[in-house]
């Protein structure tokens, strides 16, 4: 067997495995609206914790959507203003005042402090929010809703989250929020981002109690308060950049978790330029690889075999090694499977199926973003976000 034919065969084998044996990740079937749970006899108390740094653009909409929740139980909001310089706290206060006196009383704004050594900024803000909840004289809530400051919720979503958690005994219930997909870069890269995430963490496996794989989406995470304490609290994830998946691992050690897609929780954060998406990916990609050059090389090689080799073989460059059409045929078959696998995510984001043919180009861009993440880390600028560098050369945050 020649080299080209071997590579094309390996690429096809990878896609046969991904389609048939990777938890059905590509089907995008784990949805918030599927399997709605019966409502509990008594609705438990919930407190939302919002870490926010320079989020004036979206915080008002986030606060309004939370205050408008159709939730029968006690529900309050704690906003941790993480030393914002753009009036985030004032915008949040104005939104609560406009919603009425009762709404204003349900919002507490905590002034965040500088992160101590060993803590990443967002996680430190989450910690301060949890500490404030623990300091309250009232009884501890049953659940904490960790949410980003640029997220908006349909009015019935908290009710649905709590009902699912109560019915299934979940310690962590997370929704992969619907990311903004309006600009050309967003249409090109956002569905692929969720597709790659699901490939890495198949939602069906995350949701299995007998599977060790754990993941969550940090924009919306409903955590059992007592379970969080049992998992070591926020201190257990103090130095992490990928805080949602770290929290999921800690929580799954003490009980079942659940992760699914949703149309009813949406992110307002815009990525109008490719560079915006590059920065978003570069912030955490090398952290995901444990700052290992060997893992980086292996990941790039694996991505190349999975996403680049099939179209290259189908379009003939690898066929030069074979002297036959088998390389092209196998490459075309793998490329076809790749495109078919991407279709459900494109439908979820209401995009043309023709985008599926461009998935190899999207993967190539993500490979470049991952290399940039390693480069930024080597420059001592790893994890850069909103003026803070969270990772130094030793990998500590």
Foldseek 3Di string as FASTA:
>chain_A
DWPLLVLLVVQLVVLVCLCPPQQNLLQQPFELPPPFFDFDPDFFEEEEEEEDAQLLPAQLQALLQQLLAPGPDHYAYEYEYLPHDNCNVVSNLVSQVVVDDVSNVRYHYHYHDDDDFQFDRRLSSVQVRVVVQVPDPDDRTQKYKYAYSQKHFHRHPVSRQRSVCVRVVAQKEAEPAAEDQDAPLSVLAVLLVSSVVCSVQVQSLCQDLPHQGWFHHRRTMIGGPVLCVVLVHSVQCGFDPRSGRSSRNSSSVRHGYGYHYYHGMYGPDDDNDNVSVLVVLLQCLCVVQVLDPVSLVVVLVVLCSNQPSLVCQLVPPSCVRPVDNSSNVSSPSSLVSQLVSSVSSCVVVVHDSVSSSCSSVNSVVSNVSSVVSSVCQVVQQHNDDPRDRSQHVVGRD
